[in-house]
Amino acid sequence: MIKLPTETEIEDLQSFRHPHSLSIYAPYIAPNSSDNPNRIQIKNLLKEARQLLLAENLDQREINEILQPAEELIETADFRYSFEHSLAMFIQPGFFWRYDLPNELMAPSISLGKEFVVRPILNLIEDNESYYLLILSRNGVQLLKGDYYNLEKVKFQKFPTTLKRELNIDEYPKGRQPHTVAPAITGKGSEKFHGQYNKTQVDKNMLIEFFRRIDRKLHKILRNYKIPLIIVGVDYLLPLYRRVNTYPHILADEIRGSLEHDPLDSIRINVYQLLISR
């Protein structure tokens, strides 16, 4: 999983000073055999780090202590067999932080100085974009928060999730349900329907009331934020939600389709494609 530093961690990294501060960046290498080229790459970078520290007239005991956390990391089972990200390591005597980075193009590098080199990570963070994602469905509304690299579900007590439970009804008006053929960014999806869908005013009113309650809850959650909100759902739900929405930062772009059962990483990729295409 991608792990970028928080704002506080960035500030700490920029403020730390020590004459033996190591900054190591190792871009992800896709394996073409059973060996893990990422482990080999980092072992070579740590050998280079050892030589840089030797040139600073440190003895082997001091160097071993400085590099021990990084050398232990590359011996773990997860790193040996399944590590799938670029890596950044920041090392000082008695200090070791590592971050799993997205697989952006970057050159392997190592720097020894009085302060850490954080610019490559700052570039990733500055290019990133946070958002909320609201997946609309009669039977499973979900609120998620993410960015280009991560996506997770947001859990709140008493958040409206199903129309039946929220409106305390026993059954929907009779009519067919839509079946999504393929989720797609605005204008590129398609849906098929089984039977004749009866868009009665009663059905619309129930959905509008359901969405109004979702919007009221979201207002309490998001009112102090300016993060974009992206809505996801089958075609007939999206305009109904927009009718009641009061969050001013909802995007005009939307994702059409039924994604409530999709893996989070698949959803994240859909959102990423929408955001970079704007």
C-alpha atoms as a PDB file:
ATOM      1  CA  MET A   1       0.000   0.000   0.000  1.00  0.00           C
ATOM      2  CA  ILE A   2       1.248   3.478  -0.858  1.00  0.00           C
ATOM      3  CA  LYS A   3       2.395   5.409   2.218  1.00  0.00           C
ATOM      4  CA  LEU A   4       3.261   9.072   1.753  1.00  0.00           C
ATOM      5  CA  PRO A   5       4.403  11.245   4.668  1.00  0.00           C
ATOM      6  CA  THR A   6       1.897  13.470   6.423  1.00  0.00           C
ATOM      7  CA  GLU A   7       2.356  17.244   6.543  1.00  0.00           C
ATOM      8  CA  THR A   8       3.765  16.939  10.065  1.00  0.00           C
ATOM      9  CA  GLU A   9       6.205  14.242   8.982  1.00  0.00           C
ATOM     10  CA  ILE A  10       7.348  16.385   6.046  1.00  0.00           C
ATOM     11  CA  GLU A  11       7.994  19.280   8.442  1.00  0.00           C
ATOM     12  CA  ASP A  12       9.938  16.970  10.747  1.00  0.00           C
ATOM     13  CA  LEU A  13      12.036  15.579   7.904  1.00  0.00           C
ATOM     14  CA  GLN A  14      12.862  19.080   6.720  1.00  0.00           C
ATOM     15  CA  SER A  15      13.826  20.219  10.212  1.00  0.00           C
ATOM     16  CA  PHE A  16      16.074  17.309  11.214  1.00  0.00           C
ATOM     17  CA  ARG A  17      19.773  18.116  11.073  1.00  0.00           C
ATOM     18  CA  HIS A  18      22.679  15.721  11.464  1.00  0.00           C
ATOM     19  CA  PRO A  19      26.006  15.525   9.601  1.00  0.00           C
ATOM     20  CA  HIS A  20      25.235  11.919   8.634  1.00  0.00           C
ATOM     21  CA  SER A  21      21.752  12.154   7.116  1.00  0.00           C
ATOM     22  CA  LEU A  22      21.100   9.568   4.420  1.00  0.00           C
ATOM     23  CA  SER A  23      18.298   9.958   1.857  1.00  0.00           C
ATOM     24  CA  ILE A  24      17.760   6.910  -0.363  1.00  0.00           C
ATOM     25  CA  TYR A  25      15.280   6.615  -3.250  1.00  0.00           C
ATOM     26  CA  ALA A  26      14.755   3.293  -5.012  1.00  0.00           C
ATOM     27  CA  PRO A  27      12.290   3.198  -7.938  1.00  0.00           C
ATOM     28  CA  TYR A  28      10.211   0.064  -8.389  1.00  0.00           C
ATOM     29  CA  ILE A  29      11.563  -2.481 -10.878  1.00  0.00           C
ATOM     30  CA  ALA A  30       9.114  -4.993 -12.327  1.00  0.00           C
ATOM     31  CA  PRO A  31      10.540  -8.514 -11.833  1.00  0.00           C
ATOM     32  CA  ASN A  32      11.201 -10.629 -14.909  1.00  0.00           C
ATOM     33  CA  SER A  33      12.254 -13.718 -12.942  1.00  0.00           C
ATOM     34  CA  SER A  34      11.774 -15.281  -9.519  1.00  0.00           C
ATOM     35  CA  ASP A  35      14.403 -12.948  -8.058  1.00  0.00           C
ATOM     36  CA  ASN A  36      13.302  -9.609  -6.626  1.00  0.00           C
ATOM     37  CA  PRO A  37      15.279  -6.886  -8.427  1.00  0.00           C
ATOM     38  CA  ASN A  38      14.047  -4.299  -5.928  1.00  0.00           C
ATOM     39  CA  ARG A  39      15.826  -6.072  -3.087  1.00  0.00           C
ATOM     40  CA  ILE A  40      19.003  -6.306  -5.130  1.00  0.00           C
ATOM     41  CA  GLN A  41      18.795  -2.614  -6.029  1.00  0.00           C
ATOM     42  CA  ILE A  42      18.410  -1.542  -2.396  1.00  0.00           C
ATOM     43  CA  LYS A  43      21.200  -3.851  -1.236  1.00  0.00           C
ATOM     44  CA  ASN A  44      23.458  -2.093  -3.743  1.00  0.00           C
ATOM     45  CA  LEU A  45      22.315   1.328  -2.554  1.00  0.00           C
ATOM     46  CA  LEU A  46      23.048   0.354   1.049  1.00  0.00           C
ATOM     47  CA  LYS A  47      26.527  -0.789   0.024  1.00  0.00           C
ATOM     48  CA  GLU A  48      27.034   2.645  -1.501  1.00  0.00           C
ATOM     49  CA  ALA A  49      25.738   4.225   1.719  1.00  0.00           C
ATOM     50  CA  ARG A  50      28.289   2.213   3.678  1.00  0.00           C
ATOM     51  CA  GLN A  51      31.083   3.571   1.508  1.00  0.00           C
ATOM     52  CA  LEU A  52      29.859   7.158   1.960  1.00  0.00           C
ATOM     53  CA  LEU A  53      29.826   6.728   5.739  1.00  0.00           C
ATOM     54  CA  LEU A  54      33.287   5.157   5.697  1.00  0.00           C
ATOM     55  CA  ALA A  55      34.529   8.243   3.874  1.00  0.00           C
ATOM     56  CA  GLU A  56      33.240  10.281   6.840  1.00  0.00           C
ATOM     57  CA  ASN A  57      35.687   8.374   9.074  1.00  0.00           C
ATOM     58  CA  LEU A  58      32.976   6.475  10.946  1.00  0.00           C
ATOM     59  CA  ASP A  59      33.994   3.069  12.262  1.00  0.00           C
ATOM     60  CA  GLN A  60      32.252  -0.166  11.254  1.00  0.00           C
ATOM     61  CA  ARG A  61      30.311  -0.417  14.531  1.00  0.00           C
ATOM     62  CA  GLU A  62      28.766   3.035  14.034  1.00  0.00           C
ATOM     63  CA  ILE A  63      27.965   2.290  10.405  1.00  0.00           C
ATOM     64  CA  ASN A  64      26.368  -1.036  11.277  1.00  0.00           C
ATOM     65  CA  GLU A  65      24.126   0.656  13.843  1.00  0.00           C
ATOM     66  CA  ILE A  66      23.062   3.375  11.391  1.00  0.00           C
ATOM     67  CA  LEU A  67      22.227   0.951   8.562  1.00  0.00           C
ATOM     68  CA  GLN A  68      20.800  -1.904  10.648  1.00  0.00           C
ATOM     69  CA  PRO A  69      17.086  -0.953  10.315  1.00  0.00           C
ATOM     70  CA  ALA A  70      17.331  -0.702   6.520  1.00  0.00           C
ATOM     71  CA  GLU A  71      19.270  -3.952   6.227  1.00  0.00           C
ATOM     72  CA  GLU A  72      16.711  -5.725   8.417  1.00  0.00           C
ATOM     73  CA  LEU A  73      13.896  -4.358   6.244  1.00  0.00           C
ATOM     74  CA  ILE A  74      15.153  -5.965   3.043  1.00  0.00           C
ATOM     75  CA  GLU A  75      15.417  -9.345   4.789  1.00  0.00           C
ATOM     76  CA  THR A  76      11.709  -9.470   5.701  1.00  0.00           C
ATOM     77  CA  ALA A  77       9.537 -11.988   3.856  1.00  0.00           C
ATOM     78  CA  ASP A  78       7.226  -9.312   2.456  1.00  0.00           C
ATOM     79  CA  PHE A  79      10.118  -7.427   0.969  1.00  0.00           C
ATOM     80  CA  ARG A  80      11.784 -10.515  -0.423  1.00  0.00           C
ATOM     81  CA  TYR A  81       8.767 -11.723  -2.377  1.00  0.00           C
ATOM     82  CA  SER A  82       5.986  -9.209  -2.762  1.00  0.00           C
ATOM     83  CA  PHE A  83       7.258  -5.642  -2.518  1.00  0.00           C
ATOM     84  CA  GLU A  84       5.585  -3.683  -5.320  1.00  0.00           C
ATOM     85  CA  HIS A  85       6.342   0.006  -4.744  1.00  0.00           C
ATOM     86  CA  SER A  86       9.098   2.521  -5.046  1.00  0.00           C
ATOM     87  CA  LEU A  87      10.809   3.151  -1.744  1.00  0.00           C
ATOM     88  CA  ALA A  88      12.220   6.142   0.132  1.00  0.00           C
ATOM     89  CA  MET A  89      14.368   5.744   3.252  1.00  0.00           C
ATOM     90  CA  PHE A  90      15.575   8.486   5.577  1.00  0.00           C
ATOM     91  CA  ILE A  91      18.337   7.437   7.948  1.00  0.00           C
ATOM     92  CA  GLN A  92      20.310   9.126  10.713  1.00  0.00           C
ATOM     93  CA  PRO A  93      22.055   7.620  13.750  1.00  0.00           C
ATOM     94  CA  GLY A  94      19.186   6.247  15.855  1.00  0.00           C
ATOM     95  CA  PHE A  95      16.565   7.249  13.256  1.00  0.00           C
ATOM     96  CA  PHE A  96      14.901   5.358  10.374  1.00  0.00           C
ATOM     97  CA  TRP A  97      11.772   6.283   8.412  1.00  0.00           C
ATOM     98  CA  ARG A  98      10.634   4.560   5.222  1.00  0.00           C
ATOM     99  CA  TYR A  99       7.825   5.337   2.785  1.00  0.00           C
ATOM    100  CA  ASP A 100       6.282   3.207   0.040  1.00  0.00           C
ATOM    101  CA  LEU A 101       5.880   5.478  -2.967  1.00  0.00           C
ATOM    102  CA  PRO A 102       3.820   5.216  -6.153  1.00  0.00           C
ATOM    103  CA  ASN A 103       5.679   3.779  -9.088  1.00  0.00           C
ATOM    104  CA  GLU A 104       6.401   7.102 -10.747  1.00  0.00           C
ATOM    105  CA  LEU A 105       9.471   7.457 -12.916  1.00  0.00           C
ATOM    106  CA  MET A 106      12.462   8.429 -10.790  1.00  0.00           C
ATOM    107  CA  ALA A 107      16.134   7.602 -10.772  1.00  0.00           C
ATOM    108  CA  PRO A 108      17.699   5.604  -7.940  1.00  0.00           C
ATOM    109  CA  SER A 109      19.632   8.004  -5.733  1.00  0.00           C
ATOM    110  CA  ILE A 110      21.491   8.279  -2.470  1.00  0.00           C
ATOM    111  CA  SER A 111      22.519  11.437  -0.674  1.00  0.00           C
ATOM    112  CA  LEU A 112      24.586  12.009   2.466  1.00  0.00           C
ATOM    113  CA  GLY A 113      24.530  15.448   4.042  1.00  0.00           C
ATOM    114  CA  LYS A 114      23.410  17.537   6.994  1.00  0.00           C
ATOM    115  CA  GLU A 115      19.721  17.330   6.043  1.00  0.00           C
ATOM    116  CA  PHE A 116      17.345  14.991   4.262  1.00  0.00           C
ATOM    117  CA  VAL A 117      16.474  15.367   0.585  1.00  0.00           C
ATOM    118  CA  VAL A 118      12.654  15.422   0.437  1.00  0.00           C
ATOM    119  CA  ARG A 119      12.026  17.202  -2.883  1.00  0.00           C
ATOM    120  CA  PRO A 120      11.118  13.994  -4.828  1.00  0.00           C
ATOM    121  CA  ILE A 121       8.376  13.223  -2.277  1.00  0.00           C
ATOM    122  CA  LEU A 122       7.196  16.846  -2.274  1.00  0.00           C
ATOM    123  CA  ASN A 123       6.779  16.620  -6.059  1.00  0.00           C
ATOM    124  CA  LEU A 124       4.521  13.570  -5.652  1.00  0.00           C
ATOM    125  CA  ILE A 125       2.432  15.246  -2.957  1.00  0.00           C
ATOM    126  CA  GLU A 126       2.079  18.509  -4.888  1.00  0.00           C
ATOM    127  CA  ASP A 127       0.851  16.625  -7.960  1.00  0.00           C
ATOM    128  CA  ASN A 128      -1.609  14.574  -5.906  1.00  0.00           C
ATOM    129  CA  GLU A 129      -5.304  15.418  -5.447  1.00  0.00           C
ATOM    130  CA  SER A 130      -7.621  14.457  -2.593  1.00  0.00           C
ATOM    131  CA  TYR A 131     -11.342  13.812  -3.081  1.00  0.00           C
ATOM    132  CA  TYR A 132     -14.458  12.312  -1.537  1.00  0.00           C
ATOM    133  CA  LEU A 133     -16.352   9.702  -3.493  1.00  0.00           C
ATOM    134  CA  LEU A 134     -20.054   9.039  -2.975  1.00  0.00           C
ATOM    135  CA  ILE A 135     -21.280   5.779  -4.470  1.00  0.00           C
ATOM    136  CA  LEU A 136     -25.053   6.019  -4.887  1.00  0.00           C
ATOM    137  CA  SER A 137     -27.252   2.958  -4.763  1.00  0.00           C
ATOM    138  CA  ARG A 138     -30.634   2.024  -3.387  1.00  0.00           C
ATOM    139  CA  ASN A 139     -29.063  -0.796  -1.407  1.00  0.00           C
ATOM    140  CA  GLY A 140     -25.568   0.290  -0.435  1.00  0.00           C
ATOM    141  CA  VAL A 141     -24.555   3.954  -0.413  1.00  0.00           C
ATOM    142  CA  GLN A 142     -20.850   4.351   0.417  1.00  0.00           C
ATOM    143  CA  LEU A 143     -18.687   7.356   1.219  1.00  0.00           C
ATOM    144  CA  LEU A 144     -14.985   7.004   0.462  1.00  0.00           C
ATOM    145  CA  LYS A 145     -11.999   9.305   0.763  1.00  0.00           C
ATOM    146  CA  GLY A 146      -8.949   9.013  -1.437  1.00  0.00           C
ATOM    147  CA  ASP A 147      -6.317  10.493  -3.669  1.00  0.00           C
ATOM    148  CA  TYR A 148      -4.363   9.297  -6.707  1.00  0.00           C
ATOM    149  CA  TYR A 149      -2.691   6.547  -4.702  1.00  0.00           C
ATOM    150  CA  ASN A 150      -5.045   5.449  -1.904  1.00  0.00           C
ATOM    151  CA  LEU A 151      -8.767   4.969  -1.349  1.00  0.00           C
ATOM    152  CA  GLU A 152     -10.589   3.938   1.817  1.00  0.00           C
ATOM    153  CA  LYS A 153     -14.128   3.753   3.116  1.00  0.00           C
ATOM    154  CA  VAL A 154     -15.286   6.437   5.528  1.00  0.00           C
ATOM    155  CA  LYS A 155     -17.469   5.145   8.339  1.00  0.00           C
ATOM    156  CA  PHE A 156     -19.891   7.373  10.222  1.00  0.00           C
ATOM    157  CA  GLN A 157     -22.601   6.447  12.658  1.00  0.00           C
ATOM    158  CA  LYS A 158     -26.165   6.741  11.353  1.00  0.00           C
ATOM    159  CA  PHE A 159     -25.026   7.431   7.788  1.00  0.00           C
ATOM    160  CA  PRO A 160     -27.932   6.586   5.438  1.00  0.00           C
ATOM    161  CA  THR A 161     -26.944   3.517   3.427  1.00  0.00           C
ATOM    162  CA  THR A 162     -30.114   1.854   2.134  1.00  0.00           C
ATOM    163  CA  LEU A 163     -33.379   3.359   0.968  1.00  0.00           C
ATOM    164  CA  LYS A 164     -35.554   0.710   2.638  1.00  0.00           C
ATOM    165  CA  ARG A 165     -33.933   1.066   6.041  1.00  0.00           C
ATOM    166  CA  GLU A 166     -33.699   4.864   5.974  1.00  0.00           C
ATOM    167  CA  LEU A 167     -37.302   5.446   4.886  1.00  0.00           C
ATOM    168  CA  ASN A 168     -38.634   2.477   6.842  1.00  0.00           C
ATOM    169  CA  ILE A 169     -40.490   0.923   3.919  1.00  0.00           C
ATOM    170  CA  ASP A 170     -41.310  -2.701   3.240  1.00  0.00           C
ATOM    171  CA  GLU A 171     -40.948  -2.718  -0.545  1.00  0.00           C
ATOM    172  CA  TYR A 172     -40.210  -0.495  -3.521  1.00  0.00           C
ATOM    173  CA  PRO A 173     -42.786   0.531  -6.107  1.00  0.00           C
ATOM    174  CA  LYS A 174     -43.058  -2.253  -8.633  1.00  0.00           C
ATOM    175  CA  GLY A 175     -40.858  -1.926 -11.661  1.00  0.00           C
ATOM    176  CA  ARG A 176     -37.725  -3.202 -13.142  1.00  0.00           C
ATOM    177  CA  GLN A 177     -34.233  -2.513 -11.884  1.00  0.00           C
ATOM    178  CA  PRO A 178     -31.409  -1.292 -14.124  1.00  0.00           C
ATOM    179  CA  HIS A 179     -28.486  -3.529 -14.935  1.00  0.00           C
ATOM    180  CA  THR A 180     -25.159  -1.852 -15.699  1.00  0.00           C
ATOM    181  CA  VAL A 181     -23.182  -3.281 -18.609  1.00  0.00           C
ATOM    182  CA  ALA A 182     -19.945  -1.417 -17.932  1.00  0.00           C
ATOM    183  CA  PRO A 183     -18.967   1.355 -15.507  1.00  0.00           C
ATOM    184  CA  ALA A 184     -17.577   4.331 -17.368  1.00  0.00           C
ATOM    185  CA  ILE A 185     -16.600   7.948 -17.081  1.00  0.00           C
ATOM    186  CA  THR A 186     -19.308  10.408 -18.091  1.00  0.00           C
ATOM    187  CA  GLY A 187     -20.719   9.711 -21.514  1.00  0.00           C
ATOM    188  CA  LYS A 188     -18.883   6.433 -22.087  1.00  0.00           C
ATOM    189  CA  GLY A 189     -21.014   3.894 -20.218  1.00  0.00           C
ATOM    190  CA  SER A 190     -24.067   1.928 -21.177  1.00  0.00           C
ATOM    191  CA  GLU A 191     -26.916   0.272 -19.351  1.00  0.00           C
ATOM    192  CA  LYS A 192     -29.466  -2.376 -20.224  1.00  0.00           C
ATOM    193  CA  PHE A 193     -32.795  -2.769 -18.520  1.00  0.00           C
ATOM    194  CA  HIS A 194     -34.886  -5.822 -17.777  1.00  0.00           C
ATOM    195  CA  GLY A 195     -38.535  -5.073 -18.431  1.00  0.00           C
ATOM    196  CA  GLN A 196     -40.264  -1.732 -18.462  1.00  0.00           C
ATOM    197  CA  TYR A 197     -38.917   0.575 -15.729  1.00  0.00           C
ATOM    198  CA  ASN A 198     -41.787   2.470 -14.184  1.00  0.00           C
ATOM    199  CA  LYS A 199     -40.431   5.904 -13.205  1.00  0.00           C
ATOM    200  CA  THR A 200     -43.389   6.843 -11.045  1.00  0.00           C
ATOM    201  CA  GLN A 201     -43.466  10.070  -9.118  1.00  0.00           C
ATOM    202  CA  VAL A 202     -43.726   8.024  -5.912  1.00  0.00           C
ATOM    203  CA  ASP A 203     -40.467   6.262  -6.706  1.00  0.00           C
ATOM    204  CA  LYS A 204     -38.752   9.558  -7.525  1.00  0.00           C
ATOM    205  CA  ASN A 205     -39.980  11.167  -4.347  1.00  0.00           C
ATOM    206  CA  MET A 206     -38.619   8.324  -2.240  1.00  0.00           C
ATOM    207  CA  LEU A 207     -35.213   8.562  -3.887  1.00  0.00           C
ATOM    208  CA  ILE A 208     -35.134  12.340  -3.535  1.00  0.00           C
ATOM    209  CA  GLU A 209     -35.991  12.113   0.158  1.00  0.00           C
ATOM    210  CA  PHE A 210     -33.356   9.402   0.631  1.00  0.00           C
ATOM    211  CA  PHE A 211     -30.728  11.531  -1.114  1.00  0.00           C
ATOM    212  CA  ARG A 212     -31.794  14.617   0.833  1.00  0.00           C
ATOM    213  CA  ARG A 213     -31.038  12.767   4.060  1.00  0.00           C
ATOM    214  CA  ILE A 214     -27.645  11.699   2.706  1.00  0.00           C
ATOM    215  CA  ASP A 215     -26.907  15.293   1.749  1.00  0.00           C
ATOM    216  CA  ARG A 216     -27.817  16.547   5.229  1.00  0.00           C
ATOM    217  CA  LYS A 217     -25.421  14.045   6.791  1.00  0.00           C
ATOM    218  CA  LEU A 218     -22.694  14.933   4.305  1.00  0.00           C
ATOM    219  CA  HIS A 219     -23.166  18.605   5.064  1.00  0.00           C
ATOM    220  CA  LYS A 220     -22.251  17.939   8.693  1.00  0.00           C
ATOM    221  CA  ILE A 221     -19.215  15.916   7.626  1.00  0.00           C
ATOM    222  CA  LEU A 222     -17.865  18.104   4.803  1.00  0.00           C
ATOM    223  CA  ARG A 223     -18.990  21.634   5.656  1.00  0.00           C
ATOM    224  CA  ASN A 224     -15.487  22.748   6.702  1.00  0.00           C
ATOM    225  CA  TYR A 225     -13.769  21.225   3.660  1.00  0.00           C
ATOM    226  CA  LYS A 226     -13.194  22.252   0.076  1.00  0.00           C
ATOM    227  CA  ILE A 227     -12.270  18.793  -1.156  1.00  0.00           C
ATOM    228  CA  PRO A 228     -14.000  17.775  -4.428  1.00  0.00           C
ATOM    229  CA  LEU A 229     -16.922  15.367  -4.147  1.00  0.00           C
ATOM    230  CA  ILE A 230     -17.395  12.893  -6.994  1.00  0.00           C
ATOM    231  CA  ILE A 231     -20.649  11.002  -7.339  1.00  0.00           C
ATOM    232  CA  VAL A 232     -20.984   7.522  -8.790  1.00  0.00           C
ATOM    233  CA  GLY A 233     -24.145   5.704  -9.808  1.00  0.00           C
ATOM    234  CA  VAL A 234     -26.370   4.449 -12.580  1.00  0.00           C
ATOM    235  CA  ASP A 235     -27.780   7.127 -14.899  1.00  0.00           C
ATOM    236  CA  TYR A 236     -31.178   7.742 -13.336  1.00  0.00           C
ATOM    237  CA  LEU A 237     -29.738   8.272  -9.806  1.00  0.00           C
ATOM    238  CA  LEU A 238     -27.168  10.955 -10.589  1.00  0.00           C
ATOM    239  CA  PRO A 239     -29.484  13.827 -11.615  1.00  0.00           C
ATOM    240  CA  LEU A 240     -31.780  13.091  -8.663  1.00  0.00           C
ATOM    241  CA  TYR A 241     -28.902  13.459  -6.245  1.00  0.00           C
ATOM    242  CA  ARG A 242     -27.753  16.690  -7.876  1.00  0.00           C
ATOM    243  CA  ARG A 243     -31.243  18.138  -7.300  1.00  0.00           C
ATOM    244  CA  VAL A 244     -30.775  17.979  -3.525  1.00  0.00           C
ATOM    245  CA  ASN A 245     -27.022  18.418  -3.188  1.00  0.00           C
ATOM    246  CA  THR A 246     -25.892  21.390  -1.090  1.00  0.00           C
ATOM    247  CA  TYR A 247     -22.130  20.696  -1.059  1.00  0.00           C
ATOM    248  CA  PRO A 248     -20.617  23.459  -3.215  1.00  0.00           C
ATOM    249  CA  HIS A 249     -17.563  21.454  -4.296  1.00  0.00           C
ATOM    250  CA  ILE A 250     -19.344  18.606  -6.069  1.00  0.00           C
ATOM    251  CA  LEU A 251     -17.701  17.969  -9.455  1.00  0.00           C
ATOM    252  CA  ALA A 252     -19.584  18.276 -12.712  1.00  0.00           C
ATOM    253  CA  ASP A 253     -17.700  15.168 -13.835  1.00  0.00           C
ATOM    254  CA  GLU A 254     -19.156  11.931 -12.552  1.00  0.00           C
ATOM    255  CA  ILE A 255     -18.761   8.189 -12.969  1.00  0.00           C
ATOM    256  CA  ARG A 256     -21.718   6.300 -14.397  1.00  0.00           C
ATOM    257  CA  GLY A 257     -22.123   2.704 -13.417  1.00  0.00           C
ATOM    258  CA  SER A 258     -22.660   0.389 -10.477  1.00  0.00           C
ATOM    259  CA  LEU A 259     -19.384   0.207  -8.551  1.00  0.00           C
ATOM    260  CA  GLU A 260     -20.542  -0.630  -5.026  1.00  0.00           C
ATOM    261  CA  HIS A 261     -19.182  -4.185  -5.230  1.00  0.00           C
ATOM    262  CA  ASP A 262     -15.945  -3.368  -7.073  1.00  0.00           C
ATOM    263  CA  PRO A 263     -12.536  -3.658  -5.322  1.00  0.00           C
ATOM    264  CA  LEU A 264     -11.294  -0.357  -3.915  1.00  0.00           C
ATOM    265  CA  ASP A 265      -8.229  -0.316  -6.153  1.00  0.00           C
ATOM    266  CA  SER A 266     -10.388  -0.757  -9.249  1.00  0.00           C
ATOM    267  CA  ILE A 267     -12.579   2.155  -8.121  1.00  0.00           C
ATOM    268  CA  ARG A 268      -9.488   4.274  -7.440  1.00  0.00           C
ATOM    269  CA  ILE A 269      -8.250   3.691 -10.990  1.00  0.00           C
ATOM    270  CA  ASN A 270     -11.632   4.798 -12.380  1.00  0.00           C
ATOM    271  CA  VAL A 271     -11.429   8.008 -10.355  1.00  0.00           C
ATOM    272  CA  TYR A 272      -7.804   8.596 -11.321  1.00  0.00           C
ATOM    273  CA  GLN A 273      -8.697   8.365 -15.001  1.00  0.00           C
ATOM    274  CA  LEU A 274     -11.539  10.832 -14.514  1.00  0.00           C
ATOM    275  CA  LEU A 275      -9.394  13.360 -12.653  1.00  0.00           C
ATOM    276  CA  ILE A 276      -6.465  13.365 -15.066  1.00  0.00           C
ATOM    277  CA  SER A 277      -8.804  13.655 -18.071  1.00  0.00           C
ATOM    278  CA  ARG A 278     -10.335  16.930 -16.861  1.00  0.00           C
END
